[in-house]
C-alpha cells in the first residue's frame, strides 16, 4: 500500500501580552502599546503555521524542533524559524499546497496588515502569497483573548508529496 500523497496539519499557539515590544504577527510589526512575551520574538501566528506544517510532516511540534530551553533561540525571528520549517518540509519530500490561519484577539485590528503578513510568511516558505490565508476574529470579550491577556492563533495546512506533483506535471502515473 502506497502512503497517502496528501497530509493535513493543524497548529495552535498562544502568547500572553506583556511590556515586550514590538507586537509581531506573521512577521509584520503591528503598532500597539503591548507586545507578546515568549522565548523567541513570540510571533504567535508564525508559530501556529509552523506547528501545522510540522504536524503534517509527523515531526511532533515546534517545541521539539525549537525548544524554549535553547539559549541560542532566545529572541530569534519566528520568520527565520518558519524558513527552517520550509526547508525541513521540502527535505521530507513535501510541498505546501495551501494554508489557512486565524488570529484570535480583541485589539488591535489586523485588516490593514493582512496582505503583508501573507506575503512575509509566503516568502519565508518559498510559496505564492495566494497559498497563505490570514484572518482575524474576536471572542466577543470572552476568555483570555477577550480580556486582552494574550493572543491565540490557529493554522491548518495541506501538504502534498513532491514526487506526486512532479509525476502529475510529467504526465506519469503512480502504480
Protein backbone atom coordinates (compact mmCIF):
# COMPACT_ATOMS: atom_id res chain seq x y z
CA UNK A 1 0.00 0.00 0.00
CA UNK A 2 1.37 3.39 -1.01
CA UNK A 3 1.38 6.18 1.55
CA UNK A 4 -1.19 8.90 1.01
CA UNK A 5 0.32 11.70 -1.06
CA UNK A 6 -1.62 14.33 0.92
CA UNK A 7 -1.18 15.35 4.54
CA UNK A 8 -3.13 17.74 6.74
CA UNK A 9 -1.63 19.53 9.74
CA UNK A 10 -3.20 21.74 12.37
CA UNK A 11 -1.35 24.19 14.56
CA UNK A 12 -2.18 26.27 17.60
CA UNK A 13 -0.20 28.71 19.67
CA UNK A 14 -0.83 31.29 22.35
CA UNK A 15 1.27 34.03 23.93
CA UNK A 16 0.49 36.48 26.71
CA UNK A 17 0.66 40.22 26.30
CA UNK A 18 3.46 41.93 28.18
CA UNK A 19 5.60 45.01 28.06
CA UNK A 20 7.78 43.45 25.39
CA UNK A 21 7.74 45.34 22.12
CA UNK A 22 7.10 45.26 19.24
CA UNK A 23 3.96 43.24 18.51
CA UNK A 24 4.88 40.87 15.67
CA UNK A 25 2.26 38.82 13.85
CA UNK A 26 3.05 36.90 10.70
CA UNK A 27 6.44 38.61 10.56
CA UNK A 28 4.88 42.08 10.47
CA UNK A 29 5.28 44.71 13.16
CA UNK A 30 1.84 45.88 14.26
CA UNK A 31 1.61 49.26 16.02
CA UNK A 32 0.24 48.57 19.51
CA UNK A 33 1.05 49.53 23.09
CA UNK A 34 1.94 45.95 24.08
CA UNK A 35 3.80 43.08 22.56
CA UNK A 36 3.79 39.35 23.23
CA UNK A 37 6.05 37.54 25.67
CA UNK A 38 7.99 34.46 24.62
CA UNK A 39 11.41 32.87 24.27
CA UNK A 40 11.66 33.84 20.59
CA UNK A 41 10.06 37.00 19.20
CA UNK A 42 6.69 35.46 20.25
CA UNK A 43 5.08 35.68 16.80
CA UNK A 44 2.04 33.57 17.63
CA UNK A 45 0.80 33.47 14.02
CA UNK A 46 4.10 32.23 12.57
CA UNK A 47 4.29 29.67 15.40
CA UNK A 48 0.83 28.28 14.64
CA UNK A 49 1.69 27.98 10.94
CA UNK A 50 4.99 26.25 11.73
CA UNK A 51 3.23 23.89 14.12
CA UNK A 52 0.68 22.95 11.43
CA UNK A 53 3.43 22.16 8.91
CA UNK A 54 5.48 20.19 11.44
CA UNK A 55 2.33 18.27 12.40
CA UNK A 56 1.60 17.46 8.76
CA UNK A 57 5.14 16.15 8.46
CA UNK A 58 4.56 13.98 11.56
CA UNK A 59 7.60 15.59 13.20
CA UNK A 60 5.89 16.35 16.52
CA UNK A 61 5.60 20.05 17.30
CA UNK A 62 7.73 23.17 17.10
CA UNK A 63 8.74 22.83 20.75
CA UNK A 64 10.53 19.61 19.80
CA UNK A 65 12.40 21.30 16.94
CA UNK A 66 12.95 24.67 18.62
CA UNK A 67 12.89 24.16 22.41
CA UNK A 68 12.42 27.21 24.60
CA UNK A 69 15.26 25.89 26.74
CA UNK A 70 17.79 26.53 23.94
CA UNK A 71 19.59 29.81 24.68
CA UNK A 72 20.59 30.10 21.01
CA UNK A 73 16.91 30.60 20.16
CA UNK A 74 16.33 33.45 22.63
CA UNK A 75 14.78 36.35 20.73
CA UNK A 76 15.15 34.61 17.35
CA UNK A 77 12.96 35.72 14.47
CA UNK A 78 9.97 33.44 14.02
CA UNK A 79 10.12 34.17 10.29
CA UNK A 80 13.61 32.64 10.28
CA UNK A 81 12.25 29.60 12.10
CA UNK A 82 9.42 29.41 9.54
CA UNK A 83 12.07 29.41 6.80
CA UNK A 84 13.78 26.48 8.52
CA UNK A 85 10.46 24.61 8.72
CA UNK A 86 10.02 25.20 4.97
CA UNK A 87 13.46 23.68 4.36
CA UNK A 88 12.54 20.68 6.54
CA UNK A 89 9.24 20.28 4.67
CA UNK A 90 10.99 20.09 1.31
CA UNK A 91 13.70 17.81 2.73
CA UNK A 92 10.94 15.42 3.82
CA UNK A 93 9.61 15.47 0.24
CA UNK A 94 6.55 17.67 0.75
CA UNK A 95 5.27 20.92 -0.70
CA UNK A 96 2.74 23.29 0.80
CA UNK A 97 -0.46 23.26 -1.23
CA UNK A 98 -2.49 25.60 0.98
CA UNK A 99 -2.58 27.12 4.46
CA UNK A 100 -5.28 28.96 6.32
CA UNK A 101 -4.74 30.77 9.61
CA UNK A 102 -6.77 32.73 12.12
CA UNK A 103 -5.57 35.11 14.83
CA UNK A 104 -7.81 35.46 17.88
CA UNK A 105 -7.61 38.84 19.65
CA UNK A 106 -9.78 41.81 20.55
CA UNK A 107 -7.32 44.52 19.59
CA UNK A 108 -5.58 45.75 17.51
CA UNK A 109 -7.47 45.36 14.24
CA UNK A 110 -5.39 43.39 11.75
CA UNK A 111 -7.15 44.03 8.41
CA UNK A 112 -4.64 46.70 7.30
CA UNK A 113 -1.75 44.24 7.79
CA UNK A 114 -3.31 41.04 6.48
CA UNK A 115 -1.79 41.00 2.99
CA UNK A 116 1.66 41.95 4.30
CA UNK A 117 1.52 39.04 6.78
CA UNK A 118 0.51 36.70 3.95
CA UNK A 119 3.39 37.96 1.79
CA UNK A 120 6.03 37.67 4.52
CA UNK A 121 5.05 34.12 5.51
CA UNK A 122 4.72 33.02 1.88
CA UNK A 123 8.18 34.36 1.08
CA UNK A 124 9.64 32.56 4.12
CA UNK A 125 8.15 29.28 2.89
CA UNK A 126 9.01 29.85 -0.77
CA UNK A 127 5.37 29.73 -1.92
CA UNK A 128 2.92 32.11 -3.56
CA UNK A 129 1.01 34.55 -1.37
CA UNK A 130 -2.24 33.01 -2.65
CA UNK A 131 -1.32 29.81 -0.77
CA UNK A 132 -1.43 31.55 2.62
CA UNK A 133 -4.69 32.71 4.19
CA UNK A 134 -4.80 35.06 7.18
CA UNK A 135 -7.86 36.27 9.02
CA UNK A 136 -8.65 37.57 12.48
CA UNK A 137 -11.54 37.22 14.88
CA UNK A 138 -12.51 38.21 18.39
CA UNK A 139 -14.10 36.13 21.13
CA UNK A 140 -16.70 38.82 21.91
CA UNK A 141 -14.73 39.68 25.06
CA UNK A 142 -14.87 36.10 26.39
CA UNK A 143 -11.87 34.15 27.72
CA UNK A 144 -8.25 35.24 27.98
CA UNK A 145 -8.21 36.77 24.50
CA UNK A 146 -11.44 38.61 25.24
CA UNK A 147 -9.92 40.02 28.42
CA UNK A 148 -6.96 41.11 26.26
CA UNK A 149 -4.50 39.00 28.24
CA UNK A 150 -2.98 37.45 25.13
CA UNK A 151 -3.35 36.31 21.55
CA UNK A 152 -4.10 32.87 20.13
CA UNK A 153 -3.61 31.64 16.58
CA UNK A 154 -4.74 28.57 14.66
CA UNK A 155 -3.47 27.21 11.36
CA UNK A 156 -4.33 24.35 9.06
CA UNK A 157 -2.20 23.21 6.13
CA UNK A 158 -2.48 20.82 3.23
CA UNK A 159 0.80 19.24 2.18
CA UNK A 160 1.49 17.06 -0.84
CA UNK A 161 4.39 14.74 -1.56
CA UNK A 162 6.55 16.48 -4.13
CA UNK A 163 7.03 13.28 -6.15
CA UNK A 164 3.28 13.02 -6.81
CA UNK A 165 3.22 16.62 -8.01
CA UNK A 166 6.20 16.01 -10.28
CA UNK A 167 4.61 12.84 -11.71
CA UNK A 168 1.39 14.72 -12.45
CA UNK A 169 3.33 17.51 -14.20
CA UNK A 170 5.17 15.00 -16.39
CA UNK A 171 2.02 13.02 -17.21
CA UNK A 172 3.24 9.85 -15.44
CA UNK A 173 1.03 7.99 -13.01
CA UNK A 174 1.97 6.09 -9.89
CA UNK A 175 1.37 2.35 -9.98
